[in-house]
Amino acid sequence: MNNMLTELQTEFQDYILGRSDRALARIESTAALPAERRLDIYHNAYRARLAEVMADTYERVVLYIGEESFENAAWAYIEGHPPITRNVRDYGRTLPEFLATYFADDPEVAELAGMDARLRYTFDALDADALGVSDVAIIQPQEWESVAFTLHPAVSFQQFHWNTPAIWLSLSEEAAPPAAEQLSPPVVWLFWRKELQPHFRSLSGAEHAALQAAADGQTFGAICSLLAEHWPELDVTTNLAAWLRTWLDDGVLAKVL
C-alpha cells in the first residue's frame, strides 16, 4: 500500500512539475472536466504560487514593468528553473540573471531585481555581533599594521551601470520613476543591516576597494598600501579613519582578526 501511494504521489508530482503523462491514466475524466484539465488546475496553481512568491520579493520590479509583464517573465523563468529547496521563500534568487536576458533591451530591470533581492536577503541574512568603537579602541598603535577585520554576514555590494537606485527610491515613494540613464563610470553600492533594517548607500571607488580588501582578509596595513598605490591623491590616513568610524557606527564590521 505504501509503495502504491508513493508511486501515485510521484506521478502526480511529475505532472505538476513537467506534465508527465503517467498520472493521466489514474485520473477520472468526465464530460465537463477531462483528466488533463483536472491535473492542469494543479499544474498551473503551483506555478501561480511560485509567481506570487517572486512578485513579493521583486515588488519594485512589478511596479516598474507592470503586473502582466512581470507575470509573463515569472512564468517563463519557472519553466526553466524548478525549485531545488523545500523553502519556497528562497525561490527566484537567480531571477535577476534571467531578467538580464529576458529584458536585454532594458538592463535596468535586471539591476532593479538585483536590488530588490539584495535588500530582502540583507534583512534575513545570518546574524553576528557587530564591532563597536569600544572594540577597536583597545588595539594598540603598533598592532594596527597586522589587524584584519571581517564584514558582517548581511553586508554585500552591487555595481550599478544605470540609475537604478534612483528608480528604486521613486517606486518606494510611489512616485513616477526617472527615465533610465546609463552611469559613467558604474557605481558600487553597499548593502547592510542595522537595527533589523536593511540600508544601502553608494561608495567611492576607494572606499569600495578598502571594504573589499577587508572582506578578502587583507590587513589594515595592506589596505593602506593598496589605497596609496591606486589613489595617490588620497589622504589615506584621514579617509580610512573616517570610513572605519562610519563602518563601526553602521555595524558593517563583525570581527577583529
Protein backbone atom coordinates (compact mmCIF):
# COMPACT_ATOMS: atom_id res chain seq x y z
CA MET A 1 0.00 0.00 0.00
CA ASN A 2 2.76 2.43 0.92
CA ASN A 3 4.56 1.72 -2.36
CA MET A 4 1.36 2.36 -4.32
CA LEU A 5 0.78 5.63 -2.50
CA THR A 6 4.37 6.72 -3.09
CA GLU A 7 4.08 5.87 -6.77
CA LEU A 8 0.84 7.84 -7.08
CA GLN A 9 2.34 10.85 -5.30
CA THR A 10 5.42 10.71 -7.52
CA GLU A 11 3.36 10.59 -10.70
CA PHE A 12 1.18 13.45 -9.51
CA GLN A 13 4.26 15.49 -8.66
CA ASP A 14 5.81 14.73 -12.04
CA TYR A 15 2.72 16.09 -13.77
CA ILE A 16 2.72 19.26 -11.69
CA LEU A 17 6.39 19.83 -12.43
CA GLY A 18 6.57 18.77 -16.05
CA ARG A 19 3.21 17.40 -17.27
CA SER A 20 4.35 13.78 -17.26
CA ASP A 21 1.62 11.64 -18.84
CA ARG A 22 1.96 8.81 -16.33
CA ALA A 23 -0.61 10.32 -13.96
CA LEU A 24 -3.33 10.79 -16.58
CA ALA A 25 -4.43 7.16 -16.50
CA ARG A 26 -5.16 7.43 -12.79
CA ILE A 27 -7.47 10.43 -13.06
CA GLU A 28 -11.13 10.02 -14.00
CA SER A 29 -12.40 12.10 -16.90
CA THR A 30 -15.90 13.49 -17.18
CA ALA A 31 -17.71 15.23 -20.00
CA ALA A 32 -17.39 18.52 -18.16
CA LEU A 33 -13.80 18.14 -16.99
CA PRO A 34 -11.34 15.74 -18.66
CA ALA A 35 -8.44 14.28 -16.68
CA GLU A 36 -5.83 16.51 -18.30
CA ARG A 37 -7.82 19.63 -17.42
CA ARG A 38 -8.18 18.47 -13.82
CA LEU A 39 -4.44 17.96 -13.48
CA ASP A 40 -3.72 21.26 -15.23
CA ILE A 41 -5.53 23.06 -12.42
CA TYR A 42 -2.82 21.86 -10.03
CA HIS A 43 -0.07 22.32 -12.60
CA ASN A 44 -0.99 25.98 -13.10
CA ALA A 45 -1.80 26.67 -9.46
CA TYR A 46 1.69 25.52 -8.48
CA ARG A 47 3.27 27.96 -10.94
CA ALA A 48 0.95 30.75 -9.90
CA ARG A 49 2.06 30.32 -6.30
CA LEU A 50 5.74 30.49 -7.29
CA ALA A 51 4.99 33.63 -9.33
CA GLU A 52 3.29 35.17 -6.27
CA VAL A 53 6.35 34.43 -4.14
CA MET A 54 8.59 36.19 -6.65
CA ALA A 55 6.20 39.12 -7.00
CA ASP A 56 6.51 39.66 -3.25
CA THR A 57 10.32 39.55 -3.37
CA TYR A 58 10.59 41.68 -6.51
CA GLU A 59 7.97 44.23 -5.56
CA ARG A 60 9.65 47.23 -7.23
CA VAL A 61 10.19 45.29 -10.44
CA VAL A 62 6.44 44.59 -10.56
CA LEU A 63 5.73 48.29 -10.10
CA TYR A 64 8.26 49.23 -12.77
CA ILE A 65 7.28 46.84 -15.59
CA GLY A 66 3.67 46.14 -14.64
CA GLU A 67 1.91 43.06 -13.27
CA GLU A 68 1.23 41.42 -16.63
CA SER A 69 4.78 41.86 -17.88
CA PHE A 70 6.19 40.52 -14.63
CA GLU A 71 3.84 37.53 -14.65
CA ASN A 72 4.92 36.62 -18.18
CA ALA A 73 8.57 36.83 -17.19
CA ALA A 74 7.98 34.89 -13.97
CA TRP A 75 6.21 32.02 -15.75
CA ALA A 76 8.97 31.87 -18.35
CA TYR A 77 11.51 31.66 -15.51
CA ILE A 78 9.53 28.96 -13.71
CA GLU A 79 9.50 26.69 -16.75
CA GLY A 80 13.29 26.51 -16.78
CA HIS A 81 14.02 26.83 -13.06
CA PRO A 82 12.19 24.31 -10.85
CA PRO A 83 12.64 24.77 -7.08
CA ILE A 84 15.63 22.96 -5.62
CA THR A 85 14.90 23.54 -1.91
CA ARG A 86 11.88 22.96 0.33
CA ASN A 87 11.84 26.62 1.42
CA VAL A 88 9.67 28.42 -1.12
CA ARG A 89 10.90 31.77 0.16
CA ASP A 90 14.30 31.07 -1.41
CA TYR A 91 12.77 30.56 -4.81
CA GLY A 92 13.72 33.05 -7.51
CA ARG A 93 17.16 34.02 -6.28
CA THR A 94 18.51 33.82 -9.84
CA LEU A 95 15.67 35.80 -11.39
CA PRO A 96 17.88 38.91 -11.83
CA GLU A 97 20.26 36.95 -14.07
CA PHE A 98 17.29 35.61 -16.05
CA LEU A 99 15.83 39.08 -16.48
CA ALA A 100 19.15 40.35 -17.85
CA THR A 101 18.45 38.19 -20.89
CA TYR A 102 14.65 38.39 -20.88
CA PHE A 103 14.75 42.22 -20.83
CA ALA A 104 18.03 42.58 -22.70
CA ASP A 105 16.94 45.96 -24.13
CA ASP A 106 16.09 47.29 -20.66
CA PRO A 107 19.09 46.35 -18.50
CA GLU A 108 17.91 48.47 -15.59
CA VAL A 109 15.17 45.88 -14.97
CA ALA A 110 17.71 43.20 -14.01
CA GLU A 111 19.57 45.67 -11.80
CA LEU A 112 16.30 46.63 -10.11
CA ALA A 113 15.58 42.96 -9.47
CA GLY A 114 19.06 42.54 -8.04
CA MET A 115 18.45 45.43 -5.67
CA ASP A 116 15.06 44.06 -4.59
CA ALA A 117 16.57 40.65 -3.88
CA ARG A 118 19.62 42.05 -2.14
CA LEU A 119 17.52 44.10 0.27
CA ARG A 120 15.28 41.11 1.00
CA TYR A 121 18.18 38.80 1.75
CA THR A 122 20.03 41.52 3.67
CA PHE A 123 17.07 41.59 6.04
CA ASP A 124 17.28 37.91 6.96
CA ALA A 125 20.98 37.23 6.50
CA LEU A 126 22.82 35.38 9.24
CA ASP A 127 23.24 37.35 12.44
CA ALA A 128 26.51 38.26 14.14
CA ASP A 129 27.68 40.72 16.75
CA ALA A 130 28.80 43.93 15.10
CA LEU A 131 32.02 45.61 16.16
CA GLY A 132 31.74 48.88 18.02
CA VAL A 133 34.12 51.74 18.63
CA SER A 134 34.99 50.31 22.05
CA ASP A 135 36.04 47.02 20.45
CA VAL A 136 38.77 48.65 18.38
CA ALA A 137 39.78 51.25 20.97
CA ILE A 138 41.83 48.60 22.75
CA ILE A 139 44.00 47.95 19.68
CA GLN A 140 47.50 49.30 20.32
CA PRO A 141 49.14 51.60 17.73
CA GLN A 142 51.83 49.05 16.92
CA GLU A 143 49.18 46.39 16.27
CA TRP A 144 47.25 48.20 13.55
CA GLU A 145 49.61 47.15 10.76
CA SER A 146 48.61 43.50 11.18
CA VAL A 147 44.96 43.91 12.22
CA ALA A 148 42.29 42.49 9.89
CA PHE A 149 38.51 42.67 10.02
CA THR A 150 35.64 40.52 8.81
CA LEU A 151 32.46 42.00 7.40
CA HIS A 152 29.06 41.34 8.91
CA PRO A 153 27.21 38.47 7.12
CA ALA A 154 24.50 40.90 6.00
CA VAL A 155 26.98 43.07 4.07
CA SER A 156 27.12 42.86 0.29
CA PHE A 157 27.90 45.01 -2.75
CA GLN A 158 26.12 45.66 -6.03
CA GLN A 159 27.50 47.53 -9.00
CA PHE A 160 25.04 49.66 -10.94
CA HIS A 161 25.53 50.65 -14.57
CA TRP A 162 22.24 52.54 -14.57
CA ASN A 163 20.47 54.99 -12.25
CA THR A 164 18.66 52.03 -10.73
CA PRO A 165 18.80 53.18 -7.07
CA ALA A 166 17.03 56.42 -8.06
CA ILE A 167 14.37 54.36 -9.85
CA TRP A 168 14.00 52.08 -6.81
CA LEU A 169 13.63 55.01 -4.42
CA SER A 170 11.00 56.70 -6.59
CA LEU A 171 8.98 53.48 -6.77
CA SER A 172 9.24 53.07 -2.99
CA GLU A 173 7.85 56.57 -2.55
CA GLU A 174 5.04 55.84 -5.03
CA ALA A 175 6.40 58.49 -7.37
CA ALA A 176 6.95 58.30 -11.10
CA PRO A 177 10.43 56.81 -11.65
CA PRO A 178 13.00 58.78 -13.63
CA ALA A 179 13.95 57.67 -17.11
CA ALA A 180 16.69 55.05 -17.19
CA GLU A 181 20.11 56.65 -17.63
CA GLN A 182 23.43 54.87 -18.01
CA LEU A 183 26.11 55.81 -15.49
CA SER A 184 29.68 56.52 -16.48
CA PRO A 185 31.52 55.14 -14.66
CA PRO A 186 29.38 52.50 -12.89
CA VAL A 187 28.87 52.96 -9.15
CA VAL A 188 29.11 50.32 -6.42
CA TRP A 189 26.60 50.46 -3.58
CA LEU A 190 26.96 48.96 -0.10
CA PHE A 191 24.09 47.00 1.47
CA TRP A 192 23.96 46.18 5.17
CA ARG A 193 21.58 45.66 8.08
CA LYS A 194 21.39 47.90 11.11
CA GLU A 195 18.89 47.50 13.94
CA LEU A 196 16.99 44.90 11.91
CA GLN A 197 16.55 47.23 8.94
CA PRO A 198 18.31 46.99 5.55
CA HIS A 199 20.31 50.05 4.50
CA PHE A 200 22.20 51.00 1.36
CA ARG A 201 24.43 53.79 0.09
CA SER A 202 26.85 54.48 -2.72
CA LEU A 203 30.59 54.02 -2.31
CA SER A 204 33.51 55.81 -3.85
CA GLY A 205 35.95 53.61 -5.71
CA ALA A 206 38.49 53.94 -2.92
CA GLU A 207 36.08 53.08 -0.10
CA HIS A 208 34.78 50.08 -2.03
CA ALA A 209 38.35 48.89 -2.61
CA ALA A 210 39.09 49.22 1.11
CA LEU A 211 35.97 47.30 2.14
CA GLN A 212 36.52 44.62 -0.48
CA ALA A 213 40.11 44.20 0.67
CA ALA A 214 38.85 43.78 4.25
CA ALA A 215 36.34 41.19 3.01
CA ASP A 216 39.23 39.36 1.34
CA GLY A 217 41.11 39.19 4.65
CA GLN A 218 43.77 41.80 3.96
CA THR A 219 45.33 43.54 6.93
CA PHE A 220 44.88 47.20 7.77
CA GLY A 221 48.44 47.88 6.69
CA ALA A 222 47.88 46.16 3.34
CA ILE A 223 44.71 48.19 2.79
CA CYS A 224 46.63 51.42 3.43
CA SER A 225 49.26 50.36 0.90
CA LEU A 226 46.57 49.47 -1.64
CA LEU A 227 44.91 52.86 -1.33
CA ALA A 228 48.21 54.73 -1.50
CA GLU A 229 49.16 52.87 -4.68
CA HIS A 230 45.92 53.30 -6.59
CA TRP A 231 44.73 56.64 -5.18
CA PRO A 232 47.95 58.65 -4.66
CA GLU A 233 45.95 61.87 -4.30
CA LEU A 234 44.03 60.44 -1.34
CA ASP A 235 44.87 61.31 2.25
CA VAL A 236 44.82 57.64 3.21
CA THR A 237 45.10 58.02 6.98
CA THR A 238 42.35 60.62 7.27
CA ASN A 239 39.95 58.92 4.89
CA LEU A 240 40.46 55.42 6.20
CA ALA A 241 39.98 56.61 9.77
CA ALA A 242 36.71 58.33 8.78
CA TRP A 243 35.49 55.27 6.89
CA LEU A 244 36.39 52.98 9.78
CA ARG A 245 34.32 55.10 12.17
CA THR A 246 31.37 55.00 9.77
CA TRP A 247 31.66 51.23 9.34
CA LEU A 248 31.71 50.78 13.10
CA ASP A 249 28.73 53.09 13.63
CA ASP A 250 26.74 51.29 10.94
CA GLY A 251 27.58 47.76 12.09
CA VAL A 252 29.38 46.79 8.89
CA LEU A 253 32.27 45.01 10.65
CA ALA A 254 31.91 41.83 12.68
CA LYS A 255 35.30 40.66 13.99
CA VAL A 256 38.89 41.70 14.60
CA LEU A 257 41.38 39.10 13.39
